């Protein structure tokens, strides 16, 4: 079954949050980390995976991404704190 991922990235000092969606989390985070994606994440050095959700339906995944993007920063931080209180880079966990 196909999986879709909604994720949040941040920079090293956690000042910027970026929400994205993909059907291949490993590949997408690799692209962000290696600055292969032009745009916002490359410009602001955003490459730490601090949050993700797995969804099975692409429509639900798109709706969830939009919902997270529309949250105020405080709510996004609460989401991350509940999932990853240490704000560690989860990329190392998912590549195992």
C-alpha atoms as a PDB file:
ATOM      1  CA  UNK A   1       0.000   0.000   0.000  1.00  0.00           C
ATOM      2  CA  UNK A   2       1.235   3.468  -0.903  1.00  0.00           C
ATOM      3  CA  UNK A   3       2.247   5.759   1.944  1.00  0.00           C
ATOM      4  CA  UNK A   4       2.333   9.527   2.098  1.00  0.00           C
ATOM      5  CA  UNK A   5       4.254  11.615   4.576  1.00  0.00           C
ATOM      6  CA  UNK A   6       3.568  15.062   5.940  1.00  0.00           C
ATOM      7  CA  UNK A   7       6.707  16.407   7.575  1.00  0.00           C
ATOM      8  CA  UNK A   8       8.157  19.411   9.331  1.00  0.00           C
ATOM      9  CA  UNK A   9      11.757  20.521   8.904  1.00  0.00           C
ATOM     10  CA  UNK A  10      13.651  23.169  10.792  1.00  0.00           C
ATOM     11  CA  UNK A  11      17.085  24.757  10.733  1.00  0.00           C
ATOM     12  CA  UNK A  12      19.848  24.159  13.275  1.00  0.00           C
ATOM     13  CA  UNK A  13      18.671  26.924  15.611  1.00  0.00           C
ATOM     14  CA  UNK A  14      14.952  26.131  15.185  1.00  0.00           C
ATOM     15  CA  UNK A  15      13.979  29.586  13.995  1.00  0.00           C
ATOM     16  CA  UNK A  16      12.265  28.481  10.787  1.00  0.00           C
ATOM     17  CA  UNK A  17       9.675  25.724  10.277  1.00  0.00           C
ATOM     18  CA  UNK A  18       8.859  24.198   6.895  1.00  0.00           C
ATOM     19  CA  UNK A  19       5.963  21.822   6.252  1.00  0.00           C
ATOM     20  CA  UNK A  20       6.026  19.500   3.259  1.00  0.00           C
ATOM     21  CA  UNK A  21       4.471  16.383   1.782  1.00  0.00           C
ATOM     22  CA  UNK A  22       6.013  13.446  -0.078  1.00  0.00           C
ATOM     23  CA  UNK A  23       5.472   9.802  -0.931  1.00  0.00           C
ATOM     24  CA  UNK A  24       9.143   8.989  -0.253  1.00  0.00           C
ATOM     25  CA  UNK A  25      10.323  10.493   3.027  1.00  0.00           C
ATOM     26  CA  UNK A  26      13.877   9.112   2.884  1.00  0.00           C
ATOM     27  CA  UNK A  27      14.505  10.460  -0.595  1.00  0.00           C
ATOM     28  CA  UNK A  28      12.889  13.825   0.098  1.00  0.00           C
ATOM     29  CA  UNK A  29      14.842  14.494   3.297  1.00  0.00           C
ATOM     30  CA  UNK A  30      18.047  13.395   1.553  1.00  0.00           C
ATOM     31  CA  UNK A  31      17.281  15.974  -1.151  1.00  0.00           C
ATOM     32  CA  UNK A  32      16.765  18.701   1.471  1.00  0.00           C
ATOM     33  CA  UNK A  33      19.928  17.757   3.369  1.00  0.00           C
ATOM     34  CA  UNK A  34      22.039  17.807   0.220  1.00  0.00           C
ATOM     35  CA  UNK A  35      20.519  21.070  -1.042  1.00  0.00           C
ATOM     36  CA  UNK A  36      19.155  19.375  -4.172  1.00  0.00           C
ATOM     37  CA  UNK A  37      15.830  21.215  -3.863  1.00  0.00           C
ATOM     38  CA  UNK A  38      15.866  24.824  -5.037  1.00  0.00           C
ATOM     39  CA  UNK A  39      13.875  27.305  -2.994  1.00  0.00           C
ATOM     40  CA  UNK A  40      12.956  28.054   0.588  1.00  0.00           C
ATOM     41  CA  UNK A  41      14.627  25.117   2.374  1.00  0.00           C
ATOM     42  CA  UNK A  42      17.894  25.544   0.482  1.00  0.00           C
ATOM     43  CA  UNK A  43      17.931  29.321   0.962  1.00  0.00           C
ATOM     44  CA  UNK A  44      17.340  29.130   4.729  1.00  0.00           C
ATOM     45  CA  UNK A  45      19.360  25.949   5.447  1.00  0.00           C
ATOM     46  CA  UNK A  46      16.308  23.978   6.586  1.00  0.00           C
ATOM     47  CA  UNK A  47      17.232  20.305   6.700  1.00  0.00           C
ATOM     48  CA  UNK A  48      16.443  18.846  10.122  1.00  0.00           C
ATOM     49  CA  UNK A  49      13.470  16.458  10.174  1.00  0.00           C
ATOM     50  CA  UNK A  50      11.698  17.059  13.493  1.00  0.00           C
ATOM     51  CA  UNK A  51       8.197  15.738  12.779  1.00  0.00           C
ATOM     52  CA  UNK A  52       6.352  13.468  10.370  1.00  0.00           C
ATOM     53  CA  UNK A  53       3.058  11.676   9.968  1.00  0.00           C
ATOM     54  CA  UNK A  54       2.295   8.668   7.778  1.00  0.00           C
ATOM     55  CA  UNK A  55      -0.973   8.651   5.841  1.00  0.00           C
ATOM     56  CA  UNK A  56      -2.338   6.124   3.368  1.00  0.00           C
ATOM     57  CA  UNK A  57      -4.600   8.382   1.342  1.00  0.00           C
ATOM     58  CA  UNK A  58      -3.134  11.174  -0.810  1.00  0.00           C
ATOM     59  CA  UNK A  59      -6.178  13.417  -0.346  1.00  0.00           C
ATOM     60  CA  UNK A  60      -5.940  13.105   3.450  1.00  0.00           C
ATOM     61  CA  UNK A  61      -2.204  13.781   3.262  1.00  0.00           C
ATOM     62  CA  UNK A  62      -2.729  16.968   1.248  1.00  0.00           C
ATOM     63  CA  UNK A  63      -5.459  18.123   3.641  1.00  0.00           C
ATOM     64  CA  UNK A  64      -3.231  17.402   6.644  1.00  0.00           C
ATOM     65  CA  UNK A  65      -0.324  19.314   5.106  1.00  0.00           C
ATOM     66  CA  UNK A  66      -2.592  22.320   4.514  1.00  0.00           C
ATOM     67  CA  UNK A  67      -3.952  22.081   8.072  1.00  0.00           C
ATOM     68  CA  UNK A  68      -0.447  22.057   9.561  1.00  0.00           C
ATOM     69  CA  UNK A  69       0.673  24.930   7.308  1.00  0.00           C
ATOM     70  CA  UNK A  70      -2.291  26.949   8.581  1.00  0.00           C
ATOM     71  CA  UNK A  71      -1.418  26.412  12.244  1.00  0.00           C
ATOM     72  CA  UNK A  72       0.131  29.281  14.142  1.00  0.00           C
ATOM     73  CA  UNK A  73       3.770  28.719  15.050  1.00  0.00           C
ATOM     74  CA  UNK A  74       2.932  27.923  18.688  1.00  0.00           C
ATOM     75  CA  UNK A  75       0.652  25.051  17.574  1.00  0.00           C
ATOM     76  CA  UNK A  76       3.313  23.655  15.247  1.00  0.00           C
ATOM     77  CA  UNK A  77       5.792  23.742  18.137  1.00  0.00           C
ATOM     78  CA  UNK A  78       3.277  21.890  20.340  1.00  0.00           C
ATOM     79  CA  UNK A  79       2.906  19.250  17.612  1.00  0.00           C
ATOM     80  CA  UNK A  80       6.684  18.803  17.397  1.00  0.00           C
ATOM     81  CA  UNK A  81       7.122  18.776  21.189  1.00  0.00           C
ATOM     82  CA  UNK A  82       4.528  15.997  21.562  1.00  0.00           C
ATOM     83  CA  UNK A  83       6.165  13.894  18.825  1.00  0.00           C
ATOM     84  CA  UNK A  84       9.842  14.745  19.325  1.00  0.00           C
ATOM     85  CA  UNK A  85      10.398  16.651  22.606  1.00  0.00           C
ATOM     86  CA  UNK A  86      14.178  16.796  22.119  1.00  0.00           C
ATOM     87  CA  UNK A  87      13.825  18.191  18.589  1.00  0.00           C
ATOM     88  CA  UNK A  88      16.428  15.692  17.413  1.00  0.00           C
ATOM     89  CA  UNK A  89      16.943  15.157  13.712  1.00  0.00           C
ATOM     90  CA  UNK A  90      14.782  12.107  12.960  1.00  0.00           C
ATOM     91  CA  UNK A  91      16.499  11.401   9.640  1.00  0.00           C
ATOM     92  CA  UNK A  92      19.016   9.144  11.378  1.00  0.00           C
ATOM     93  CA  UNK A  93      16.126   7.110  12.830  1.00  0.00           C
ATOM     94  CA  UNK A  94      14.287   6.620   9.549  1.00  0.00           C
ATOM     95  CA  UNK A  95      17.324   5.537   7.516  1.00  0.00           C
ATOM     96  CA  UNK A  96      17.841   2.507   9.776  1.00  0.00           C
END
